[in-house]
Amino acid sequence: MSKSKYEKVSIEIQRRIHDQIYPPMSRLPDQNALAEEFGVSRVTIREACDRLAQLGLVYKQSGRGTYVLGDVAAHGDEAPESRFNGLTELRGEQHVTSDLLGFNVAMPVL
């Protein structure tokens, strides 16, 4: 059985991540550029990126792009969720913080 278009694109991007063409913490080209390069629709690119995110290779930031986390093959059979270290560890010296902007307790409306 032949692979779907999004699977073929996903496999090629995985290869590029593995070969360090897209190194960890780098931003992937935008969906329009990838769609043009692969000769597919943006929907196909989005599906391929969703698959890469499921594999733990990339993460998507709404309105900012898709960023490379790393290569699953470099971690053997370890599941992506068990090797994710959080943004603080991934960013190194660029410390990540959180601020509580507000807190409210309310009863549900029935």
PDB file of N, CA and C in Angstrom:
ATOM      1  N   MET A   1       0.848  -1.182   0.000  1.00  0.00           N
ATOM      2  CA  MET A   1       0.000   0.000   0.000  1.00  0.00           C
ATOM      3  C   MET A   1       0.890   1.240   0.000  1.00  0.00           C
ATOM      4  N   SER A   2       0.599   2.190  -0.862  1.00  0.00           N
ATOM      5  CA  SER A   2       1.434   3.385  -0.943  1.00  0.00           C
ATOM      6  C   SER A   2       1.095   4.349   0.187  1.00  0.00           C
ATOM      7  N   LYS A   3       2.052   5.181   0.521  1.00  0.00           N
ATOM      8  CA  LYS A   3       1.884   6.142   1.600  1.00  0.00           C
ATOM      9  C   LYS A   3       1.137   7.375   1.100  1.00  0.00           C
ATOM     10  N   SER A   4       0.415   8.007   2.019  1.00  0.00           N
ATOM     11  CA  SER A   4      -0.297   9.237   1.671  1.00  0.00           C
ATOM     12  C   SER A   4       0.716  10.366   1.499  1.00  0.00           C
ATOM     13  N   LYS A   5       0.255  11.458   0.924  1.00  0.00           N
ATOM     14  CA  LYS A   5       1.141  12.604   0.695  1.00  0.00           C
ATOM     15  C   LYS A   5       1.709  13.128   2.008  1.00  0.00           C
ATOM     16  N   TYR A   6       0.857  13.259   3.034  1.00  0.00           N
ATOM     17  CA  TYR A   6       1.348  13.821   4.287  1.00  0.00           C
ATOM     18  C   TYR A   6       2.375  12.903   4.942  1.00  0.00           C
ATOM     19  N   GLU A   7       2.208  11.574   4.773  1.00  0.00           N
ATOM     20  CA  GLU A   7       3.192  10.639   5.320  1.00  0.00           C
ATOM     21  C   GLU A   7       4.541  10.782   4.608  1.00  0.00           C
ATOM     22  N   LYS A   8       4.506  10.943   3.287  1.00  0.00           N
ATOM     23  CA  LYS A   8       5.747  11.122   2.528  1.00  0.00           C
ATOM     24  C   LYS A   8       6.461  12.410   2.956  1.00  0.00           C
ATOM     25  N   VAL A   9       5.691  13.496   3.126  1.00  0.00           N
ATOM     26  CA  VAL A   9       6.275  14.767   3.570  1.00  0.00           C
ATOM     27  C   VAL A   9       6.838  14.612   4.972  1.00  0.00           C
ATOM     28  N   SER A  10       6.081  13.977   5.856  1.00  0.00           N
ATOM     29  CA  SER A  10       6.519  13.764   7.235  1.00  0.00           C
ATOM     30  C   SER A  10       7.828  12.973   7.286  1.00  0.00           C
ATOM     31  N   ILE A  11       7.926  11.941   6.485  1.00  0.00           N
ATOM     32  CA  ILE A  11       9.145  11.122   6.444  1.00  0.00           C
ATOM     33  C   ILE A  11      10.334  11.954   5.972  1.00  0.00           C
ATOM     34  N   GLU A  12      10.136  12.783   4.959  1.00  0.00           N
ATOM     35  CA  GLU A  12      11.228  13.620   4.454  1.00  0.00           C
ATOM     36  C   GLU A  12      11.667  14.645   5.510  1.00  0.00           C
ATOM     37  N   ILE A  13      10.725  15.252   6.201  1.00  0.00           N
ATOM     38  CA  ILE A  13      11.094  16.222   7.238  1.00  0.00           C
ATOM     39  C   ILE A  13      11.793  15.509   8.392  1.00  0.00           C
ATOM     40  N   GLN A  14      11.344  14.299   8.733  1.00  0.00           N
ATOM     41  CA  GLN A  14      12.042  13.506   9.758  1.00  0.00           C
ATOM     42  C   GLN A  14      13.501  13.268   9.357  1.00  0.00           C
ATOM     43  N   ARG A  15      13.714  12.943   8.078  1.00  0.00           N
ATOM     44  CA  ARG A  15      15.073  12.707   7.594  1.00  0.00           C
ATOM     45  C   ARG A  15      15.903  13.971   7.745  1.00  0.00           C
ATOM     46  N   ARG A  16      15.314  15.112   7.425  1.00  0.00           N
ATOM     47  CA  ARG A  16      16.028  16.383   7.532  1.00  0.00           C
ATOM     48  C   ARG A  16      16.362  16.715   8.986  1.00  0.00           C
ATOM     49  N   ILE A  17      15.460  16.377   9.894  1.00  0.00           N
ATOM     50  CA  ILE A  17      15.740  16.586  11.325  1.00  0.00           C
ATOM     51  C   ILE A  17      16.880  15.667  11.751  1.00  0.00           C
ATOM     52  N   HIS A  18      16.809  14.414  11.349  1.00  0.00           N
ATOM     53  CA  HIS A  18      17.858  13.443  11.688  1.00  0.00           C
ATOM     54  C   HIS A  18      19.218  13.866  11.122  1.00  0.00           C
ATOM     55  N   ASP A  19      19.229  14.414   9.902  1.00  0.00           N
ATOM     56  CA  ASP A  19      20.474  14.842   9.246  1.00  0.00           C
ATOM     57  C   ASP A  19      20.920  16.247   9.660  1.00  0.00           C
ATOM     58  N   GLN A  20      20.214  16.847  10.626  1.00  0.00           N
ATOM     59  CA  GLN A  20      20.547  18.176  11.157  1.00  0.00           C
ATOM     60  C   GLN A  20      20.375  19.300  10.133  1.00  0.00           C
ATOM     61  N   ILE A  21      19.626  19.043   9.064  1.00  0.00           N
ATOM     62  CA  ILE A  21      19.279  20.126   8.143  1.00  0.00           C
ATOM     63  C   ILE A  21      18.369  21.102   8.889  1.00  0.00           C
ATOM     64  N   TYR A  22      17.489  20.538   9.731  1.00  0.00           N
ATOM     65  CA  TYR A  22      16.678  21.313  10.669  1.00  0.00           C
ATOM     66  C   TYR A  22      17.148  20.923  12.075  1.00  0.00           C
ATOM     67  N   PRO A  23      18.103  21.639  12.639  1.00  0.00           N
ATOM     68  CA  PRO A  23      18.641  21.262  13.950  1.00  0.00           C
ATOM     69  C   PRO A  23      17.661  21.568  15.082  1.00  0.00           C
ATOM     70  N   PRO A  24      17.864  20.951  16.255  1.00  0.00           N
ATOM     71  CA  PRO A  24      17.000  21.228  17.406  1.00  0.00           C
ATOM     72  C   PRO A  24      16.924  22.726  17.699  1.00  0.00           C
ATOM     73  N   MET A  25      15.736  23.165  18.088  1.00  0.00           N
ATOM     74  CA  MET A  25      15.413  24.545  18.443  1.00  0.00           C
ATOM     75  C   MET A  25      15.342  25.473  17.232  1.00  0.00           C
ATOM     76  N   SER A  26      15.471  24.931  16.012  1.00  0.00           N
ATOM     77  CA  SER A  26      15.322  25.769  14.818  1.00  0.00           C
ATOM     78  C   SER A  26      13.862  25.778  14.393  1.00  0.00           C
ATOM     79  N   ARG A  27      13.497  26.782  13.638  1.00  0.00           N
ATOM     80  CA  ARG A  27      12.132  26.921  13.137  1.00  0.00           C
ATOM     81  C   ARG A  27      12.063  26.290  11.754  1.00  0.00           C
ATOM     82  N   LEU A  28      11.031  25.481  11.524  1.00  0.00           N
ATOM     83  CA  LEU A  28      10.824  24.919  10.189  1.00  0.00           C
ATOM     84  C   LEU A  28      10.390  26.032   9.241  1.00  0.00           C
ATOM     85  N   PRO A  29      10.640  25.864   7.951  1.00  0.00           N
ATOM     86  CA  PRO A  29      10.096  26.837   6.987  1.00  0.00           C
ATOM     87  C   PRO A  29       8.577  26.915   7.148  1.00  0.00           C
ATOM     88  N   ASP A  30       7.989  28.050   6.784  1.00  0.00           N
ATOM     89  CA  ASP A  30       6.547  28.213   6.962  1.00  0.00           C
ATOM     90  C   ASP A  30       5.784  27.252   6.047  1.00  0.00           C
ATOM     91  N   GLN A  31       4.496  27.064   6.360  1.00  0.00           N
ATOM     92  CA  GLN A  31       3.684  26.090   5.630  1.00  0.00           C
ATOM     93  C   GLN A  31       3.592  26.384   4.143  1.00  0.00           C
ATOM     94  N   ASN A  32       3.516  27.650   3.776  1.00  0.00           N
ATOM     95  CA  ASN A  32       3.435  27.994   2.349  1.00  0.00           C
ATOM     96  C   ASN A  32       4.704  27.578   1.618  1.00  0.00           C
ATOM     97  N   ALA A  33       5.866  27.835   2.218  1.00  0.00           N
ATOM     98  CA  ALA A  33       7.137  27.476   1.587  1.00  0.00           C
ATOM     99  C   ALA A  33       7.266  25.957   1.450  1.00  0.00           C
ATOM    100  N   LEU A  34       6.886  25.224   2.503  1.00  0.00           N
ATOM    101  CA  LEU A  34       6.964  23.766   2.438  1.00  0.00           C
ATOM    102  C   LEU A  34       5.970  23.213   1.416  1.00  0.00           C
ATOM    103  N   ALA A  35       4.770  23.793   1.360  1.00  0.00           N
ATOM    104  CA  ALA A  35       3.768  23.330   0.387  1.00  0.00           C
ATOM    105  C   ALA A  35       4.277  23.519  -1.035  1.00  0.00           C
ATOM    106  N   GLU A  36       4.895  24.658  -1.287  1.00  0.00           N
ATOM    107  CA  GLU A  36       5.440  24.913  -2.621  1.00  0.00           C
ATOM    108  C   GLU A  36       6.592  23.956  -2.934  1.00  0.00           C
ATOM    109  N   GLU A  37       7.481  23.766  -1.961  1.00  0.00           N
ATOM    110  CA  GLU A  37       8.633  22.880  -2.173  1.00  0.00           C
ATOM    111  C   GLU A  37       8.205  21.447  -2.480  1.00  0.00           C
ATOM    112  N   PHE A  38       7.214  20.938  -1.723  1.00  0.00           N
ATOM    113  CA  PHE A  38       6.788  19.551  -1.891  1.00  0.00           C
ATOM    114  C   PHE A  38       5.681  19.385  -2.935  1.00  0.00           C
ATOM    115  N   GLY A  39       5.147  20.496  -3.432  1.00  0.00           N
ATOM    116  CA  GLY A  39       4.086  20.423  -4.432  1.00  0.00           C
ATOM    117  C   GLY A  39       2.785  19.864  -3.882  1.00  0.00           C
ATOM    118  N   VAL A  40       2.465  20.249  -2.638  1.00  0.00           N
ATOM    119  CA  VAL A  40       1.250  19.786  -1.979  1.00  0.00           C
ATOM    120  C   VAL A  40       0.506  20.993  -1.392  1.00  0.00           C
ATOM    121  N   SER A  41      -0.659  20.743  -0.819  1.00  0.00           N
ATOM    122  CA  SER A  41      -1.438  21.823  -0.207  1.00  0.00           C
ATOM    123  C   SER A  41      -0.937  22.111   1.212  1.00  0.00           C
ATOM    124  N   ARG A  42      -1.356  23.271   1.738  1.00  0.00           N
ATOM    125  CA  ARG A  42      -1.022  23.618   3.123  1.00  0.00           C
ATOM    126  C   ARG A  42      -1.658  22.634   4.096  1.00  0.00           C
ATOM    127  N   VAL A  43      -2.829  22.100   3.744  1.00  0.00           N
ATOM    128  CA  VAL A  43      -3.495  21.108   4.598  1.00  0.00           C
ATOM    129  C   VAL A  43      -2.604  19.877   4.752  1.00  0.00           C
ATOM    130  N   THR A  44      -1.997  19.446   3.659  1.00  0.00           N
ATOM    131  CA  THR A  44      -1.089  18.302   3.702  1.00  0.00           C
ATOM    132  C   THR A  44       0.108  18.601   4.592  1.00  0.00           C
ATOM    133  N   ILE A  45       0.659  19.798   4.491  1.00  0.00           N
ATOM    134  CA  ILE A  45       1.798  20.190   5.332  1.00  0.00           C
ATOM    135  C   ILE A  45       1.371  20.215   6.791  1.00  0.00           C
ATOM    136  N   ARG A  46       0.185  20.768   7.063  1.00  0.00           N
ATOM    137  CA  ARG A  46      -0.303  20.821   8.441  1.00  0.00           C
ATOM    138  C   ARG A  46      -0.454  19.410   9.017  1.00  0.00           C
ATOM    139  N   GLU A  47      -0.988  18.480   8.225  1.00  0.00           N
ATOM    140  CA  GLU A  47      -1.132  17.089   8.673  1.00  0.00           C
ATOM    141  C   GLU A  47       0.237  16.454   8.938  1.00  0.00           C
ATOM    142  N   ALA A  48       1.207  16.747   8.075  1.00  0.00           N
ATOM    143  CA  ALA A  48       2.556  16.217   8.272  1.00  0.00           C
ATOM    144  C   ALA A  48       3.164  16.771   9.565  1.00  0.00           C
ATOM    145  N   CYS A  49       2.971  18.061   9.815  1.00  0.00           N
ATOM    146  CA  CYS A  49       3.500  18.682  11.033  1.00  0.00           C
ATOM    147  C   CYS A  49       2.793  18.149  12.276  1.00  0.00           C
ATOM    148  N   ASP A  50       1.494  17.888  12.162  1.00  0.00           N
ATOM    149  CA  ASP A  50       0.757  17.278  13.279  1.00  0.00           C
ATOM    150  C   ASP A  50       1.344  15.916  13.606  1.00  0.00           C
ATOM    151  N   ARG A  51       1.665  15.150  12.578  1.00  0.00           N
ATOM    152  CA  ARG A  51       2.268  13.826  12.782  1.00  0.00           C
ATOM    153  C   ARG A  51       3.632  13.956  13.456  1.00  0.00           C
ATOM    154  N   LEU A  52       4.427  14.910  13.012  1.00  0.00           N
ATOM    155  CA  LEU A  52       5.744  15.135  13.623  1.00  0.00           C
ATOM    156  C   LEU A  52       5.602  15.552  15.081  1.00  0.00           C
ATOM    157  N   ALA A  53       4.577  16.335  15.385  1.00  0.00           N
ATOM    158  CA  ALA A  53       4.326  16.743  16.770  1.00  0.00           C
ATOM    159  C   ALA A  53       3.923  15.531  17.610  1.00  0.00           C
ATOM    160  N   GLN A  54       3.117  14.631  17.051  1.00  0.00           N
ATOM    161  CA  GLN A  54       2.726  13.408  17.762  1.00  0.00           C
ATOM    162  C   GLN A  54       3.944  12.546  18.077  1.00  0.00           C
ATOM    163  N   LEU A  55       4.916  12.569  17.189  1.00  0.00           N
ATOM    164  CA  LEU A  55       6.140  11.790  17.392  1.00  0.00           C
ATOM    165  C   LEU A  55       7.117  12.463  18.362  1.00  0.00           C
ATOM    166  N   GLY A  56       6.815  13.699  18.734  1.00  0.00           N
ATOM    167  CA  GLY A  56       7.686  14.416  19.659  1.00  0.00           C
ATOM    168  C   GLY A  56       8.890  15.055  18.992  1.00  0.00           C
ATOM    169  N   LEU A  57       8.826  15.238  17.668  1.00  0.00           N
ATOM    170  CA  LEU A  57       9.947  15.833  16.948  1.00  0.00           C
ATOM    171  C   LEU A  57       9.859  17.352  16.875  1.00  0.00           C
ATOM    172  N   VAL A  58       8.636  17.884  16.884  1.00  0.00           N
ATOM    173  CA  VAL A  58       8.439  19.321  16.749  1.00  0.00           C
ATOM    174  C   VAL A  58       7.367  19.782  17.727  1.00  0.00           C
ATOM    175  N   TYR A  59       7.327  21.072  17.961  1.00  0.00           N
ATOM    176  CA  TYR A  59       6.205  21.668  18.674  1.00  0.00           C
ATOM    177  C   TYR A  59       5.759  22.894  17.910  1.00  0.00           C
ATOM    178  N   LYS A  60       4.453  23.160  17.983  1.00  0.00           N
ATOM    179  CA  LYS A  60       3.880  24.251  17.206  1.00  0.00           C
ATOM    180  C   LYS A  60       3.464  25.378  18.133  1.00  0.00           C
ATOM    181  N   GLN A  61       3.781  26.595  17.733  1.00  0.00           N
ATOM    182  CA  GLN A  61       3.353  27.784  18.457  1.00  0.00           C
ATOM    183  C   GLN A  61       2.410  28.542  17.540  1.00  0.00           C
ATOM    184  N   SER A  62       1.183  28.690  17.965  1.00  0.00           N
ATOM    185  CA  SER A  62       0.179  29.349  17.143  1.00  0.00           C
ATOM    186  C   SER A  62       0.634  30.743  16.723  1.00  0.00           C
ATOM    187  N   GLY A  63       0.642  30.983  15.423  1.00  0.00           N
ATOM    188  CA  GLY A  63       1.024  32.283  14.886  1.00  0.00           C
ATOM    189  C   GLY A  63       2.518  32.526  14.818  1.00  0.00           C
ATOM    190  N   ARG A  64       3.328  31.604  15.329  1.00  0.00           N
ATOM    191  CA  ARG A  64       4.781  31.797  15.341  1.00  0.00           C
ATOM    192  C   ARG A  64       5.529  30.764  14.510  1.00  0.00           C
ATOM    193  N   GLY A  65       4.945  29.587  14.328  1.00  0.00           N
ATOM    194  CA  GLY A  65       5.608  28.581  13.521  1.00  0.00           C
ATOM    195  C   GLY A  65       5.779  27.250  14.229  1.00  0.00           C
ATOM    196  N   THR A  66       6.510  26.372  13.575  1.00  0.00           N
ATOM    197  CA  THR A  66       6.780  25.030  14.079  1.00  0.00           C
ATOM    198  C   THR A  66       8.274  24.914  14.336  1.00  0.00           C
ATOM    199  N   TYR A  67       8.633  24.436  15.526  1.00  0.00           N
ATOM    200  CA  TYR A  67      10.023  24.369  15.956  1.00  0.00           C
ATOM    201  C   TYR A  67      10.448  22.931  16.206  1.00  0.00           C
ATOM    202  N   VAL A  68      11.699  22.644  15.901  1.00  0.00           N
ATOM    203  CA  VAL A  68      12.255  21.305  16.042  1.00  0.00           C
ATOM    204  C   VAL A  68      12.650  21.066  17.497  1.00  0.00           C
ATOM    205  N   LEU A  69      12.215  19.926  18.049  1.00  0.00           N
ATOM    206  CA  LEU A  69      12.650  19.520  19.379  1.00  0.00           C
ATOM    207  C   LEU A  69      13.884  18.638  19.289  1.00  0.00           C
ATOM    208  N   GLY A  70      13.889  17.702  18.352  1.00  0.00           N
ATOM    209  CA  GLY A  70      15.030  16.804  18.227  1.00  0.00           C
ATOM    210  C   GLY A  70      14.674  15.605  17.377  1.00  0.00           C
ATOM    211  N   ASP A  71      15.459  14.553  17.517  1.00  0.00           N
ATOM    212  CA  ASP A  71      15.335  13.363  16.689  1.00  0.00           C
ATOM    213  C   ASP A  71      14.997  12.163  17.557  1.00  0.00           C
ATOM    214  N   VAL A  72      13.838  11.539  17.319  1.00  0.00           N
ATOM    215  CA  VAL A  72      13.426  10.364  18.074  1.00  0.00           C
ATOM    216  C   VAL A  72      14.440   9.240  17.910  1.00  0.00           C
ATOM    217  N   ALA A  73      15.002   9.079  16.712  1.00  0.00           N
ATOM    218  CA  ALA A  73      15.962   7.998  16.464  1.00  0.00           C
ATOM    219  C   ALA A  73      17.181   8.107  17.366  1.00  0.00           C
ATOM    220  N   ALA A  74      17.532   9.311  17.759  1.00  0.00           N
ATOM    221  CA  ALA A  74      18.695   9.507  18.619  1.00  0.00           C
ATOM    222  C   ALA A  74      18.437   9.014  20.036  1.00  0.00           C
ATOM    223  N   HIS A  75      17.160   8.759  20.370  1.00  0.00           N
ATOM    224  CA  HIS A  75      16.801   8.340  21.715  1.00  0.00           C
ATOM    225  C   HIS A  75      16.335   6.895  21.766  1.00  0.00           C
ATOM    226  N   GLY A  76      16.553   6.151  20.710  1.00  0.00           N
ATOM    227  CA  GLY A  76      16.181   4.751  20.688  1.00  0.00           C
ATOM    228  C   GLY A  76      14.688   4.539  20.780  1.00  0.00           C
ATOM    229  N   ASP A  77      14.284   3.549  21.566  1.00  0.00           N
ATOM    230  CA  ASP A  77      12.873   3.202  21.694  1.00  0.00           C
ATOM    231  C   ASP A  77      12.158   4.002  22.764  1.00  0.00           C
ATOM    232  N   GLU A  78      12.832   4.918  23.375  1.00  0.00           N
ATOM    233  CA  GLU A  78      12.240   5.702  24.448  1.00  0.00           C
ATOM    234  C   GLU A  78      11.076   6.526  23.907  1.00  0.00           C
ATOM    235  N   ALA A  79       9.957   6.504  24.597  1.00  0.00           N
ATOM    236  CA  ALA A  79       8.777   7.249  24.162  1.00  0.00           C
ATOM    237  C   ALA A  79       9.023   8.745  24.279  1.00  0.00           C
ATOM    238  N   PRO A  80       8.536   9.534  23.319  1.00  0.00           N
ATOM    239  CA  PRO A  80       8.754  10.981  23.362  1.00  0.00           C
ATOM    240  C   PRO A  80       8.311  11.624  24.668  1.00  0.00           C
ATOM    241  N   GLU A  81       7.155  11.189  25.208  1.00  0.00           N
ATOM    242  CA  GLU A  81       6.678  11.830  26.427  1.00  0.00           C
ATOM    243  C   GLU A  81       7.576  11.561  27.628  1.00  0.00           C
ATOM    244  N   SER A  82       8.339  10.467  27.608  1.00  0.00           N
ATOM    245  CA  SER A  82       9.217  10.184  28.740  1.00  0.00           C
ATOM    246  C   SER A  82      10.572  10.871  28.610  1.00  0.00           C
ATOM    247  N   ARG A  83      10.891  11.419  27.434  1.00  0.00           N
ATOM    248  CA  ARG A  83      12.171  12.098  27.276  1.00  0.00           C
ATOM    249  C   ARG A  83      12.028  13.617  27.200  1.00  0.00           C
ATOM    250  N   PHE A  84      10.787  14.119  27.264  1.00  0.00           N
ATOM    251  CA  PHE A  84      10.583  15.560  27.230  1.00  0.00           C
ATOM    252  C   PHE A  84      10.999  16.154  28.565  1.00  0.00           C
ATOM    253  N   ASN A  85      11.863  17.144  28.521  1.00  0.00           N
ATOM    254  CA  ASN A  85      12.429  17.700  29.735  1.00  0.00           C
ATOM    255  C   ASN A  85      11.848  19.050  30.117  1.00  0.00           C
ATOM    256  N   GLY A  86      10.975  19.582  29.328  1.00  0.00           N
ATOM    257  CA  GLY A  86      10.394  20.876  29.620  1.00  0.00           C
ATOM    258  C   GLY A  86      11.192  21.994  28.983  1.00  0.00           C
ATOM    259  N   LEU A  87      10.539  23.144  28.829  1.00  0.00           N
ATOM    260  CA  LEU A  87      11.180  24.272  28.158  1.00  0.00           C
ATOM    261  C   LEU A  87      12.362  24.825  28.929  1.00  0.00           C
ATOM    262  N   THR A  88      12.297  24.791  30.247  1.00  0.00           N
ATOM    263  CA  THR A  88      13.418  25.330  31.032  1.00  0.00           C
ATOM    264  C   THR A  88      14.707  24.592  30.702  1.00  0.00           C
ATOM    265  N   GLU A  89      14.633  23.270  30.678  1.00  0.00           N
ATOM    266  CA  GLU A  89      15.845  22.502  30.368  1.00  0.00           C
ATOM    267  C   GLU A  89      16.244  22.637  28.907  1.00  0.00           C
ATOM    268  N   LEU A  90      15.258  22.663  28.009  1.00  0.00           N
ATOM    269  CA  LEU A  90      15.563  22.794  26.587  1.00  0.00           C
ATOM    270  C   LEU A  90      16.203  24.143  26.254  1.00  0.00           C
ATOM    271  N   ARG A  91      15.767  25.191  26.920  1.00  0.00           N
ATOM    272  CA  ARG A  91      16.259  26.542  26.635  1.00  0.00           C
ATOM    273  C   ARG A  91      17.584  26.855  27.314  1.00  0.00           C
ATOM    274  N   GLY A  92      17.994  26.039  28.271  1.00  0.00           N
ATOM    275  CA  GLY A  92      19.280  26.271  28.922  1.00  0.00           C
ATOM    276  C   GLY A  92      19.294  27.559  29.720  1.00  0.00           C
ATOM    277  N   GLU A  93      20.164  28.469  29.344  1.00  0.00           N
ATOM    278  CA  GLU A  93      20.335  29.711  30.093  1.00  0.00           C
ATOM    279  C   GLU A  93      19.165  30.674  29.935  1.00  0.00           C
ATOM    280  N   GLN A  94      18.351  30.482  28.917  1.00  0.00           N
ATOM    281  CA  GLN A  94      17.174  31.339  28.730  1.00  0.00           C
ATOM    282  C   GLN A  94      16.082  30.844  29.666  1.00  0.00           C
ATOM    283  N   HIS A  95      16.057  31.378  30.875  1.00  0.00           N
ATOM    284  CA  HIS A  95      15.182  30.898  31.931  1.00  0.00           C
ATOM    285  C   HIS A  95      13.707  31.152  31.608  1.00  0.00           C
ATOM    286  N   VAL A  96      12.881  30.147  31.823  1.00  0.00           N
ATOM    287  CA  VAL A  96      11.450  30.247  31.589  1.00  0.00           C
ATOM    288  C   VAL A  96      10.765  30.436  32.940  1.00  0.00           C
ATOM    289  N   THR A  97       9.882  31.426  33.035  1.00  0.00           N
ATOM    290  CA  THR A  97       9.147  31.683  34.277  1.00  0.00           C
ATOM    291  C   THR A  97       7.653  31.762  33.996  1.00  0.00           C
ATOM    292  N   SER A  98       6.885  31.702  35.048  1.00  0.00           N
ATOM    293  CA  SER A  98       5.435  31.855  34.966  1.00  0.00           C
ATOM    294  C   SER A  98       5.000  32.868  36.002  1.00  0.00           C
ATOM    295  N   ASP A  99       4.005  33.665  35.660  1.00  0.00           N
ATOM    296  CA  ASP A  99       3.419  34.625  36.585  1.00  0.00           C
ATOM    297  C   ASP A  99       1.921  34.373  36.657  1.00  0.00           C
ATOM    298  N   LEU A 100       1.375  34.375  37.879  1.00  0.00           N
ATOM    299  CA  LEU A 100      -0.051  34.250  38.074  1.00  0.00           C
ATOM    300  C   LEU A 100      -0.675  35.619  37.861  1.00  0.00           C
ATOM    301  N   LEU A 101      -1.525  35.743  36.857  1.00  0.00           N
ATOM    302  CA  LEU A 101      -2.125  37.026  36.526  1.00  0.00           C
ATOM    303  C   LEU A 101      -3.454  37.253  37.232  1.00  0.00           C
ATOM    304  N   GLY A 102      -4.079  36.188  37.649  1.00  0.00           N
ATOM    305  CA  GLY A 102      -5.352  36.331  38.343  1.00  0.00           C
ATOM    306  C   GLY A 102      -5.853  34.994  38.824  1.00  0.00           C
ATOM    307  N   PHE A 103      -6.759  35.033  39.792  1.00  0.00           N
ATOM    308  CA  PHE A 103      -7.320  33.805  40.347  1.00  0.00           C
ATOM    309  C   PHE A 103      -8.736  34.108  40.764  1.00  0.00           C
ATOM    310  N   ASN A 104      -9.659  33.193  40.425  1.00  0.00           N
ATOM    311  CA  ASN A 104     -11.055  33.419  40.754  1.00  0.00           C
ATOM    312  C   ASN A 104     -11.714  32.077  41.020  1.00  0.00           C
ATOM    313  N   VAL A 105     -12.563  32.036  42.036  1.00  0.00           N
ATOM    314  CA  VAL A 105     -13.352  30.840  42.328  1.00  0.00           C
ATOM    315  C   VAL A 105     -14.809  31.203  42.110  1.00  0.00           C
ATOM    316  N   ALA A 106     -15.502  30.420  41.303  1.00  0.00           N
ATOM    317  CA  ALA A 106     -16.909  30.712  41.019  1.00  0.00           C
ATOM    318  C   ALA A 106     -17.703  29.427  40.989  1.00  0.00           C
ATOM    319  N   MET A 107     -18.951  29.505  41.371  1.00  0.00           N
ATOM    320  CA  MET A 107     -19.842  28.359  41.326  1.00  0.00           C
ATOM    321  C   MET A 107     -20.325  28.172  39.881  1.00  0.00           C
ATOM    322  N   PRO A 108     -20.456  26.936  39.411  1.00  0.00           N
ATOM    323  CA  PRO A 108     -20.953  26.709  38.054  1.00  0.00           C
ATOM    324  C   PRO A 108     -22.410  27.135  37.923  1.00  0.00           C
ATOM    325  N   VAL A 109     -22.758  27.635  36.774  1.00  0.00           N
ATOM    326  CA  VAL A 109     -24.134  28.037  36.493  1.00  0.00           C
ATOM    327  C   VAL A 109     -24.855  26.842  35.917  1.00  0.00           C
ATOM    328  N   LEU A 110     -25.951  26.486  36.519  1.00  0.00           N
ATOM    329  CA  LEU A 110     -26.727  25.313  36.055  1.00  0.00           C
ATOM    330  C   LEU A 110     -27.860  25.707  35.174  1.00  0.00           C
TER     331      LEU A 110
END
